[in-house]
PDB file of N, CA and C in Angstrom:
ATOM      1  N   MET A   1      16.447   2.170  -5.585  1.00  0.00           N
ATOM      2  CA  MET A   1      14.869   2.753  -5.756  1.00  0.00           C
ATOM      3  C   MET A   1      14.696   4.007  -5.207  1.00  0.00           C
ATOM      4  N   LYS A   2      13.999   4.984  -6.201  1.00  0.00           N
ATOM      5  CA  LYS A   2      13.448   6.312  -5.872  1.00  0.00           C
ATOM      6  C   LYS A   2      12.381   6.021  -5.201  1.00  0.00           C
ATOM      7  N   LYS A   3      11.828   7.026  -4.048  1.00  0.00           N
ATOM      8  CA  LYS A   3      10.660   7.265  -3.600  1.00  0.00           C
ATOM      9  C   LYS A   3       9.813   7.558  -4.479  1.00  0.00           C
ATOM     10  N   ASN A   4       8.353   7.047  -4.629  1.00  0.00           N
ATOM     11  CA  ASN A   4       7.485   7.349  -5.536  1.00  0.00           C
ATOM     12  C   ASN A   4       5.723   7.284  -5.081  1.00  0.00           C
ATOM     13  N   MET A   5       5.994   7.309  -3.415  1.00  0.00           N
ATOM     14  CA  MET A   5       4.775   7.175  -3.199  1.00  0.00           C
ATOM     15  C   MET A   5       4.768   8.652  -1.713  1.00  0.00           C
ATOM     16  N   GLY A   6       3.912   9.380  -1.810  1.00  0.00           N
ATOM     17  CA  GLY A   6       3.526  10.282  -0.812  1.00  0.00           C
ATOM     18  C   GLY A   6       2.963   9.925   0.467  1.00  0.00           C
ATOM     19  N   SER A   7       2.879  10.871   1.085  1.00  0.00           N
ATOM     20  CA  SER A   7       2.509  10.176   2.606  1.00  0.00           C
ATOM     21  C   SER A   7       0.905   9.997   2.746  1.00  0.00           C
ATOM     22  N   THR A   8       0.272  10.565   1.991  1.00  0.00           N
ATOM     23  CA  THR A   8      -1.238  10.460   1.786  1.00  0.00           C
ATOM     24  C   THR A   8      -1.442   9.192   1.393  1.00  0.00           C
ATOM     25  N   ASP A   9      -0.774   8.602   0.340  1.00  0.00           N
ATOM     26  CA  ASP A   9      -0.809   7.407  -0.384  1.00  0.00           C
ATOM     27  C   ASP A   9      -0.486   6.487   0.700  1.00  0.00           C
ATOM     28  N   ARG A  10       0.633   6.536   1.172  1.00  0.00           N
ATOM     29  CA  ARG A  10       1.210   5.515   2.562  1.00  0.00           C
ATOM     30  C   ARG A  10       0.243   5.451   3.831  1.00  0.00           C
ATOM     31  N   ILE A  11      -0.524   6.255   3.771  1.00  0.00           N
ATOM     32  CA  ILE A  11      -1.399   6.448   5.095  1.00  0.00           C
ATOM     33  C   ILE A  11      -2.747   5.671   4.741  1.00  0.00           C
ATOM     34  N   VAL A  12      -3.284   5.808   3.487  1.00  0.00           N
ATOM     35  CA  VAL A  12      -4.385   5.141   2.724  1.00  0.00           C
ATOM     36  C   VAL A  12      -4.278   3.632   2.623  1.00  0.00           C
ATOM     37  N   ARG A  13      -3.015   3.318   2.259  1.00  0.00           N
ATOM     38  CA  ARG A  13      -2.454   1.992   1.936  1.00  0.00           C
ATOM     39  C   ARG A  13      -2.514   1.318   3.645  1.00  0.00           C
ATOM     40  N   LEU A  14      -2.350   1.789   4.589  1.00  0.00           N
ATOM     41  CA  LEU A  14      -1.745   1.211   5.791  1.00  0.00           C
ATOM     42  C   LEU A  14      -3.402   1.083   6.430  1.00  0.00           C
ATOM     43  N   ILE A  15      -4.104   2.010   6.353  1.00  0.00           N
ATOM     44  CA  ILE A  15      -5.466   2.150   6.772  1.00  0.00           C
ATOM     45  C   ILE A  15      -6.109   1.073   6.251  1.00  0.00           C
ATOM     46  N   ILE A  16      -5.955   0.968   5.056  1.00  0.00           N
ATOM     47  CA  ILE A  16      -6.986  -0.228   3.800  1.00  0.00           C
ATOM     48  C   ILE A  16      -6.289  -1.694   4.593  1.00  0.00           C
ATOM     49  N   ALA A  17      -5.006  -1.569   4.834  1.00  0.00           N
ATOM     50  CA  ALA A  17      -4.343  -3.065   4.958  1.00  0.00           C
ATOM     51  C   ALA A  17      -4.954  -3.361   6.575  1.00  0.00           C
ATOM     52  N   ALA A  18      -4.876  -2.376   7.480  1.00  0.00           N
ATOM     53  CA  ALA A  18      -5.360  -2.527   8.708  1.00  0.00           C
ATOM     54  C   ALA A  18      -6.952  -3.015   8.790  1.00  0.00           C
ATOM     55  N   VAL A  19      -7.644  -2.436   8.049  1.00  0.00           N
ATOM     56  CA  VAL A  19      -9.180  -3.061   7.610  1.00  0.00           C
ATOM     57  C   VAL A  19      -9.187  -4.513   7.136  1.00  0.00           C
ATOM     58  N   ILE A  20      -8.431  -4.902   6.206  1.00  0.00           N
ATOM     59  CA  ILE A  20      -8.398  -6.046   5.702  1.00  0.00           C
ATOM     60  C   ILE A  20      -7.944  -6.950   6.771  1.00  0.00           C
ATOM     61  N   GLY A  21      -6.827  -6.805   7.239  1.00  0.00           N
ATOM     62  CA  GLY A  21      -6.408  -7.503   8.428  1.00  0.00           C
ATOM     63  C   GLY A  21      -7.297  -7.744   9.577  1.00  0.00           C
ATOM     64  N   TYR A  22      -7.784  -6.829   9.881  1.00  0.00           N
ATOM     65  CA  TYR A  22      -9.288  -6.900  11.290  1.00  0.00           C
ATOM     66  C   TYR A  22     -10.334  -7.860  10.370  1.00  0.00           C
ATOM     67  N   LEU A  23     -10.829  -7.863   9.432  1.00  0.00           N
ATOM     68  CA  LEU A  23     -11.914  -8.322   8.445  1.00  0.00           C
ATOM     69  C   LEU A  23     -11.466  -9.988   8.372  1.00  0.00           C
ATOM     70  N   TYR A  24     -10.211 -10.026   8.078  1.00  0.00           N
ATOM     71  CA  TYR A  24      -9.857 -11.235   7.938  1.00  0.00           C
ATOM     72  C   TYR A  24      -9.511 -12.143   9.326  1.00  0.00           C
ATOM     73  N   PHE A  25      -9.095 -11.430  10.357  1.00  0.00           N
ATOM     74  CA  PHE A  25      -9.026 -12.162  11.573  1.00  0.00           C
ATOM     75  C   PHE A  25     -10.154 -12.263  12.683  1.00  0.00           C
ATOM     76  N   THR A  26     -10.996 -11.537  11.879  1.00  0.00           N
ATOM     77  CA  THR A  26     -12.427 -11.798  12.900  1.00  0.00           C
ATOM     78  C   THR A  26     -13.467 -12.587  11.795  1.00  0.00           C
ATOM     79  N   ASN A  27     -12.785 -13.189  10.961  1.00  0.00           N
ATOM     80  CA  ASN A  27     -13.462 -14.169  10.040  1.00  0.00           C
ATOM     81  C   ASN A  27     -14.661 -13.626   9.500  1.00  0.00           C
ATOM     82  N   VAL A  28     -14.631 -12.403   8.810  1.00  0.00           N
ATOM     83  CA  VAL A  28     -15.587 -11.703   8.222  1.00  0.00           C
ATOM     84  C   VAL A  28     -15.306 -12.060   6.932  1.00  0.00           C
ATOM     85  N   ILE A  29     -14.140 -12.112   6.290  1.00  0.00           N
ATOM     86  CA  ILE A  29     -13.633 -12.677   5.096  1.00  0.00           C
ATOM     87  C   ILE A  29     -12.768 -13.745   5.405  1.00  0.00           C
ATOM     88  N   ALA A  30     -13.051 -14.697   4.434  1.00  0.00           N
ATOM     89  CA  ALA A  30     -12.298 -16.056   4.792  1.00  0.00           C
ATOM     90  C   ALA A  30     -12.209 -16.624   3.197  1.00  0.00           C
ATOM     91  N   GLY A  31     -11.565 -17.677   3.083  1.00  0.00           N
ATOM     92  CA  GLY A  31     -11.527 -18.541   2.156  1.00  0.00           C
ATOM     93  C   GLY A  31     -10.063 -18.101   1.387  1.00  0.00           C
ATOM     94  N   THR A  32     -10.530 -18.324   0.022  1.00  0.00           N
ATOM     95  CA  THR A  32      -9.503 -17.773  -1.178  1.00  0.00           C
ATOM     96  C   THR A  32      -9.420 -16.347  -0.928  1.00  0.00           C
ATOM     97  N   LEU A  33     -10.577 -15.708  -1.216  1.00  0.00           N
ATOM     98  CA  LEU A  33     -10.740 -14.324  -0.979  1.00  0.00           C
ATOM     99  C   LEU A  33      -9.984 -13.616   0.130  1.00  0.00           C
ATOM    100  N   GLY A  34     -10.193 -14.414   1.239  1.00  0.00           N
ATOM    101  CA  GLY A  34      -9.509 -13.951   2.389  1.00  0.00           C
ATOM    102  C   GLY A  34      -8.171 -13.627   2.300  1.00  0.00           C
ATOM    103  N   LEU A  35      -7.664 -14.917   1.758  1.00  0.00           N
ATOM    104  CA  LEU A  35      -6.030 -15.493   1.769  1.00  0.00           C
ATOM    105  C   LEU A  35      -5.668 -14.059   0.586  1.00  0.00           C
ATOM    106  N   VAL A  36      -6.302 -13.720  -0.357  1.00  0.00           N
ATOM    107  CA  VAL A  36      -5.624 -12.991  -1.566  1.00  0.00           C
ATOM    108  C   VAL A  36      -5.689 -11.408  -1.122  1.00  0.00           C
ATOM    109  N   LEU A  37      -6.896 -11.186   0.099  1.00  0.00           N
ATOM    110  CA  LEU A  37      -7.139 -10.025   0.297  1.00  0.00           C
ATOM    111  C   LEU A  37      -5.757  -9.892   1.266  1.00  0.00           C
ATOM    112  N   LEU A  38      -5.622 -10.898   2.372  1.00  0.00           N
ATOM    113  CA  LEU A  38      -4.424 -10.634   3.279  1.00  0.00           C
ATOM    114  C   LEU A  38      -3.202 -10.318   2.617  1.00  0.00           C
ATOM    115  N   ILE A  39      -2.898 -10.984   1.518  1.00  0.00           N
ATOM    116  CA  ILE A  39      -1.833 -11.059   1.039  1.00  0.00           C
ATOM    117  C   ILE A  39      -1.346  -9.429   0.322  1.00  0.00           C
ATOM    118  N   LEU A  40      -2.526  -8.929  -0.383  1.00  0.00           N
ATOM    119  CA  LEU A  40      -2.725  -7.727  -0.881  1.00  0.00           C
ATOM    120  C   LEU A  40      -2.521  -6.806   0.347  1.00  0.00           C
ATOM    121  N   ALA A  41      -2.876  -6.910   1.735  1.00  0.00           N
ATOM    122  CA  ALA A  41      -2.533  -6.053   2.712  1.00  0.00           C
ATOM    123  C   ALA A  41      -1.230  -6.038   3.219  1.00  0.00           C
ATOM    124  N   VAL A  42      -0.296  -7.181   2.829  1.00  0.00           N
ATOM    125  CA  VAL A  42       0.867  -7.329   3.377  1.00  0.00           C
ATOM    126  C   VAL A  42       1.588  -6.571   2.388  1.00  0.00           C
ATOM    127  N   VAL A  43       1.326  -6.559   1.095  1.00  0.00           N
ATOM    128  CA  VAL A  43       2.062  -5.858   0.126  1.00  0.00           C
ATOM    129  C   VAL A  43       2.012  -4.492   0.402  1.00  0.00           C
ATOM    130  N   PHE A  44       0.771  -3.919   0.845  1.00  0.00           N
ATOM    131  CA  PHE A  44       0.428  -2.448   1.047  1.00  0.00           C
ATOM    132  C   PHE A  44       1.615  -2.211   2.044  1.00  0.00           C
ATOM    133  N   VAL A  45       1.442  -2.906   3.201  1.00  0.00           N
ATOM    134  CA  VAL A  45       2.129  -2.647   4.344  1.00  0.00           C
ATOM    135  C   VAL A  45       3.518  -2.306   3.860  1.00  0.00           C
ATOM    136  N   LEU A  46       4.134  -3.363   3.217  1.00  0.00           N
ATOM    137  CA  LEU A  46       5.291  -3.473   2.833  1.00  0.00           C
ATOM    138  C   LEU A  46       5.886  -2.275   1.564  1.00  0.00           C
ATOM    139  N   THR A  47       5.306  -1.966   0.918  1.00  0.00           N
ATOM    140  CA  THR A  47       5.553  -0.893   0.102  1.00  0.00           C
ATOM    141  C   THR A  47       5.063   0.796   0.715  1.00  0.00           C
ATOM    142  N   SER A  48       4.146   0.615   1.468  1.00  0.00           N
ATOM    143  CA  SER A  48       4.086   1.769   2.417  1.00  0.00           C
ATOM    144  C   SER A  48       5.421   2.073   3.548  1.00  0.00           C
ATOM    145  N   PHE A  49       5.794   0.922   3.809  1.00  0.00           N
ATOM    146  CA  PHE A  49       7.470   1.082   4.487  1.00  0.00           C
ATOM    147  C   PHE A  49       8.347   1.560   3.853  1.00  0.00           C
ATOM    148  N   VAL A  50       8.357   0.981   2.621  1.00  0.00           N
ATOM    149  CA  VAL A  50       9.604   1.710   1.750  1.00  0.00           C
ATOM    150  C   VAL A  50       9.412   2.873   0.689  1.00  0.00           C
ATOM    151  N   SER A  51       8.255   3.143   0.687  1.00  0.00           N
ATOM    152  CA  SER A  51       7.855   4.359   0.148  1.00  0.00           C
ATOM    153  C   SER A  51       7.852   4.088  -1.507  1.00  0.00           C
ATOM    154  N   PHE A  52       7.882   3.060  -1.963  1.00  0.00           N
ATOM    155  CA  PHE A  52       8.112   2.820  -3.437  1.00  0.00           C
ATOM    156  C   PHE A  52       6.971   1.477  -3.816  1.00  0.00           C
ATOM    157  N   CYS A  53       6.433   1.986  -4.818  1.00  0.00           N
ATOM    158  CA  CYS A  53       5.314   0.972  -5.417  1.00  0.00           C
ATOM    159  C   CYS A  53       5.936   0.638  -6.699  1.00  0.00           C
ATOM    160  N   PRO A  54       5.946  -0.976  -6.991  1.00  0.00           N
ATOM    161  CA  PRO A  54       6.735  -1.258  -8.063  1.00  0.00           C
ATOM    162  C   PRO A  54       5.604  -1.035  -9.106  1.00  0.00           C
ATOM    163  N   LEU A  55       4.225  -1.097  -9.031  1.00  0.00           N
ATOM    164  CA  LEU A  55       3.422  -1.018 -10.174  1.00  0.00           C
ATOM    165  C   LEU A  55       3.390   0.603 -10.604  1.00  0.00           C
ATOM    166  N   TYR A  56       3.799   1.579 -10.038  1.00  0.00           N
ATOM    167  CA  TYR A  56       4.113   3.055 -10.320  1.00  0.00           C
ATOM    168  C   TYR A  56       5.193   3.216 -11.312  1.00  0.00           C
ATOM    169  N   ALA A  57       6.291   2.572 -10.771  1.00  0.00           N
ATOM    170  CA  ALA A  57       7.524   2.880 -11.762  1.00  0.00           C
ATOM    171  C   ALA A  57       7.352   2.479 -13.371  1.00  0.00           C
ATOM    172  N   PRO A  58       6.635   1.522 -13.881  1.00  0.00           N
ATOM    173  CA  PRO A  58       6.340   1.227 -15.468  1.00  0.00           C
ATOM    174  C   PRO A  58       5.591   2.668 -15.914  1.00  0.00           C
ATOM    175  N   PHE A  59       4.759   3.527 -15.305  1.00  0.00           N
ATOM    176  CA  PHE A  59       3.756   4.106 -15.752  1.00  0.00           C
ATOM    177  C   PHE A  59       4.324   5.311 -15.562  1.00  0.00           C
ATOM    178  N   GLY A  60       5.567   5.240 -15.140  1.00  0.00           N
ATOM    179  CA  GLY A  60       6.095   6.941 -14.675  1.00  0.00           C
ATOM    180  C   GLY A  60       5.211   7.842 -13.256  1.00  0.00           C
ATOM    181  N   LEU A  61       4.505   7.124 -12.717  1.00  0.00           N
ATOM    182  CA  LEU A  61       3.626   7.468 -11.484  1.00  0.00           C
ATOM    183  C   LEU A  61       4.282   7.919 -10.428  1.00  0.00           C
ATOM    184  N   SER A  62       3.936   9.058  -9.789  1.00  0.00           N
ATOM    185  CA  SER A  62       4.507   9.340  -8.240  1.00  0.00           C
ATOM    186  C   SER A  62       3.478  10.208  -7.682  1.00  0.00           C
ATOM    187  N   THR A  63       3.555   9.911  -6.202  1.00  0.00           N
ATOM    188  CA  THR A  63       2.607  10.720  -5.552  1.00  0.00           C
ATOM    189  C   THR A  63       3.078  11.699  -4.449  1.00  0.00           C
ATOM    190  N   CYS A  64       4.522  11.297  -4.513  1.00  0.00           N
ATOM    191  CA  CYS A  64       5.341  12.263  -3.710  1.00  0.00           C
ATOM    192  C   CYS A  64       5.156  13.750  -4.061  1.00  0.00           C
ATOM    193  N   VAL A  65       5.544  14.668  -3.349  1.00  0.00           N
ATOM    194  CA  VAL A  65       5.537  16.045  -3.455  1.00  0.00           C
ATOM    195  C   VAL A  65       6.722  16.623  -4.124  1.00  0.00           C
ATOM    196  N   VAL A  66       6.698  16.992  -5.056  1.00  0.00           N
ATOM    197  CA  VAL A  66       8.116  17.590  -5.904  1.00  0.00           C
ATOM    198  C   VAL A  66       8.561  18.861  -5.087  1.00  0.00           C
ATOM    199  N   LYS A  67       9.828  18.759  -4.550  1.00  0.00           N
ATOM    200  CA  LYS A  67      10.410  19.952  -3.685  1.00  0.00           C
ATOM    201  C   LYS A  67      11.151  20.781  -4.657  1.00  0.00           C
ATOM    202  N   GLU A  68      10.677  22.267  -4.898  1.00  0.00           N
ATOM    203  CA  GLU A  68      11.326  23.112  -5.591  1.00  0.00           C
ATOM    204  C   GLU A  68      12.705  23.585  -5.045  1.00  0.00           C
ATOM    205  N   LYS A  69      13.519  23.373  -6.112  1.00  0.00           N
ATOM    206  CA  LYS A  69      14.691  23.998  -5.859  1.00  0.00           C
ATOM    207  C   LYS A  69      15.223  25.611  -5.754  1.00  0.00           C
ATOM    208  N   LYS A  70      15.918  26.219  -4.653  1.00  0.00           N
ATOM    209  CA  LYS A  70      15.852  27.898  -4.736  1.00  0.00           C
ATOM    210  C   LYS A  70      17.047  27.996  -5.579  1.00  0.00           C
TER     211      LYS A  70
END
């Protein structure tokens, strides 16, 4: 897997996942919506740690900074 997520993208995903987790565990969101958002938060955390988003690949998207060769 080639990395396709930059550091800003990873940080934003982790913050969103933390907010969703907090809202779920404080019972602000519950039920089916709560479970769906919790699963989304877990996916955000996993993709942040591996720096690869499977949804970016088919569209050729990348938020990584391209390093110039000298």
